N, C-alpha and C. Protein backbone atom coordinates (compact mmCIF):
# COMPACT_ATOMS: atom_id res chain seq x y z
N MET A 1 35.17 -33.12 -29.20
CA MET A 1 34.96 -31.72 -28.96
C MET A 1 34.71 -31.52 -27.46
N ALA A 2 35.43 -30.59 -26.87
CA ALA A 2 35.30 -30.32 -25.44
C ALA A 2 33.97 -29.61 -25.16
N LYS A 3 33.37 -30.01 -24.07
CA LYS A 3 32.12 -29.39 -23.66
C LYS A 3 32.44 -28.18 -22.80
N LYS A 4 32.06 -27.00 -23.26
CA LYS A 4 32.32 -25.77 -22.52
C LYS A 4 31.09 -25.37 -21.75
N GLN A 5 31.33 -24.83 -20.57
CA GLN A 5 30.24 -24.47 -19.68
C GLN A 5 30.55 -23.17 -18.96
N THR A 6 29.58 -22.35 -18.74
CA THR A 6 29.74 -21.12 -17.99
C THR A 6 29.83 -21.47 -16.52
N SER A 7 30.77 -20.84 -15.81
CA SER A 7 30.94 -21.10 -14.39
C SER A 7 29.75 -20.54 -13.59
N LYS A 8 29.61 -21.02 -12.36
CA LYS A 8 28.53 -20.55 -11.52
C LYS A 8 28.66 -19.05 -11.25
N ARG A 9 29.88 -18.60 -11.03
CA ARG A 9 30.12 -17.18 -10.75
C ARG A 9 29.75 -16.32 -11.95
N ALA A 10 30.16 -16.75 -13.14
CA ALA A 10 29.84 -15.99 -14.36
C ALA A 10 28.34 -16.00 -14.63
N ALA A 11 27.69 -17.12 -14.36
CA ALA A 11 26.25 -17.21 -14.57
C ALA A 11 25.52 -16.27 -13.62
N SER A 12 26.01 -16.17 -12.40
CA SER A 12 25.40 -15.26 -11.43
C SER A 12 25.53 -13.81 -11.88
N ALA A 13 26.71 -13.47 -12.38
CA ALA A 13 26.94 -12.11 -12.88
C ALA A 13 26.05 -11.83 -14.09
N ALA A 14 25.90 -12.82 -14.96
CA ALA A 14 25.04 -12.65 -16.14
C ALA A 14 23.59 -12.45 -15.72
N SER A 15 23.18 -13.17 -14.70
CA SER A 15 21.82 -13.02 -14.19
C SER A 15 21.59 -11.62 -13.67
N ASP A 16 22.58 -11.08 -12.96
CA ASP A 16 22.48 -9.71 -12.45
C ASP A 16 22.35 -8.71 -13.60
N VAL A 17 23.10 -8.92 -14.67
CA VAL A 17 23.05 -8.04 -15.84
C VAL A 17 21.64 -8.06 -16.44
N LEU A 18 21.06 -9.25 -16.57
CA LEU A 18 19.73 -9.36 -17.16
C LEU A 18 18.66 -8.69 -16.32
N ARG A 19 18.83 -8.69 -14.99
CA ARG A 19 17.84 -8.08 -14.11
C ARG A 19 17.98 -6.57 -14.00
N ASP A 20 19.17 -6.05 -14.32
CA ASP A 20 19.42 -4.62 -14.19
C ASP A 20 18.81 -3.86 -15.36
N LYS A 21 17.97 -2.91 -15.07
CA LYS A 21 17.28 -2.15 -16.13
C LYS A 21 18.22 -1.20 -16.86
N ARG A 22 19.39 -0.90 -16.27
CA ARG A 22 20.28 0.11 -16.86
C ARG A 22 21.27 -0.45 -17.87
N THR A 23 21.34 -1.78 -18.03
CA THR A 23 22.32 -2.36 -18.95
C THR A 23 21.84 -2.29 -20.38
N SER A 24 22.82 -2.27 -21.30
CA SER A 24 22.51 -2.14 -22.72
C SER A 24 21.98 -3.46 -23.30
N LYS A 25 21.40 -3.35 -24.47
CA LYS A 25 20.88 -4.53 -25.16
C LYS A 25 22.01 -5.52 -25.49
N LYS A 26 23.18 -4.97 -25.89
CA LYS A 26 24.31 -5.85 -26.21
C LYS A 26 24.78 -6.61 -24.98
N SER A 27 24.79 -5.94 -23.84
CA SER A 27 25.19 -6.59 -22.58
C SER A 27 24.22 -7.71 -22.23
N LYS A 28 22.95 -7.45 -22.41
CA LYS A 28 21.93 -8.45 -22.11
C LYS A 28 22.02 -9.63 -23.08
N THR A 29 22.37 -9.37 -24.32
CA THR A 29 22.52 -10.45 -25.28
C THR A 29 23.69 -11.36 -24.88
N ALA A 30 24.79 -10.74 -24.50
CA ALA A 30 25.98 -11.52 -24.07
C ALA A 30 25.67 -12.30 -22.80
N ALA A 31 24.95 -11.69 -21.88
CA ALA A 31 24.59 -12.37 -20.63
C ALA A 31 23.65 -13.55 -20.90
N GLY A 32 22.72 -13.37 -21.80
CA GLY A 32 21.81 -14.47 -22.16
C GLY A 32 22.55 -15.62 -22.80
N SER A 33 23.54 -15.28 -23.63
CA SER A 33 24.35 -16.32 -24.27
C SER A 33 25.13 -17.12 -23.22
N ALA A 34 25.69 -16.40 -22.24
CA ALA A 34 26.44 -17.07 -21.18
C ALA A 34 25.53 -18.00 -20.37
N LEU A 35 24.34 -17.54 -20.07
CA LEU A 35 23.42 -18.38 -19.29
C LEU A 35 22.95 -19.58 -20.08
N SER A 36 22.84 -19.43 -21.39
CA SER A 36 22.38 -20.57 -22.20
C SER A 36 23.41 -21.69 -22.23
N GLN A 37 24.66 -21.35 -21.93
CA GLN A 37 25.73 -22.35 -21.90
C GLN A 37 25.90 -22.99 -20.53
N ARG A 38 25.14 -22.54 -19.56
CA ARG A 38 25.21 -23.08 -18.19
C ARG A 38 24.39 -24.35 -18.13
N GLU A 39 24.94 -25.38 -17.49
CA GLU A 39 24.22 -26.63 -17.34
C GLU A 39 23.03 -26.40 -16.41
N LYS A 40 21.93 -27.02 -16.74
CA LYS A 40 20.72 -26.86 -15.92
C LYS A 40 20.94 -27.49 -14.57
N SER A 41 20.39 -26.84 -13.55
CA SER A 41 20.50 -27.33 -12.19
C SER A 41 19.65 -28.60 -12.03
N LYS A 42 20.18 -29.57 -11.35
CA LYS A 42 19.44 -30.82 -11.15
C LYS A 42 18.47 -30.71 -9.99
N LYS A 43 18.73 -29.75 -9.07
CA LYS A 43 17.83 -29.54 -7.95
C LYS A 43 16.81 -28.48 -8.32
N ARG A 44 15.62 -28.65 -7.84
CA ARG A 44 14.59 -27.63 -8.05
C ARG A 44 14.27 -27.02 -6.70
N LYS A 45 14.32 -25.71 -6.62
CA LYS A 45 13.99 -25.02 -5.38
C LYS A 45 12.48 -24.97 -5.23
N LYS A 46 12.02 -25.20 -4.02
CA LYS A 46 10.59 -25.16 -3.78
C LYS A 46 10.22 -23.95 -3.01
């Protein structure tokens, strides 16, 4: 089975959707789903 992953660009857009107070609940659900498929960053920002 192929491992699918959300691209960095799509993850960034999804993050913007989650932060925007004007987006609908359905949009936020889809954005959260996309972010959950993103591989965790190996670097930690300090």
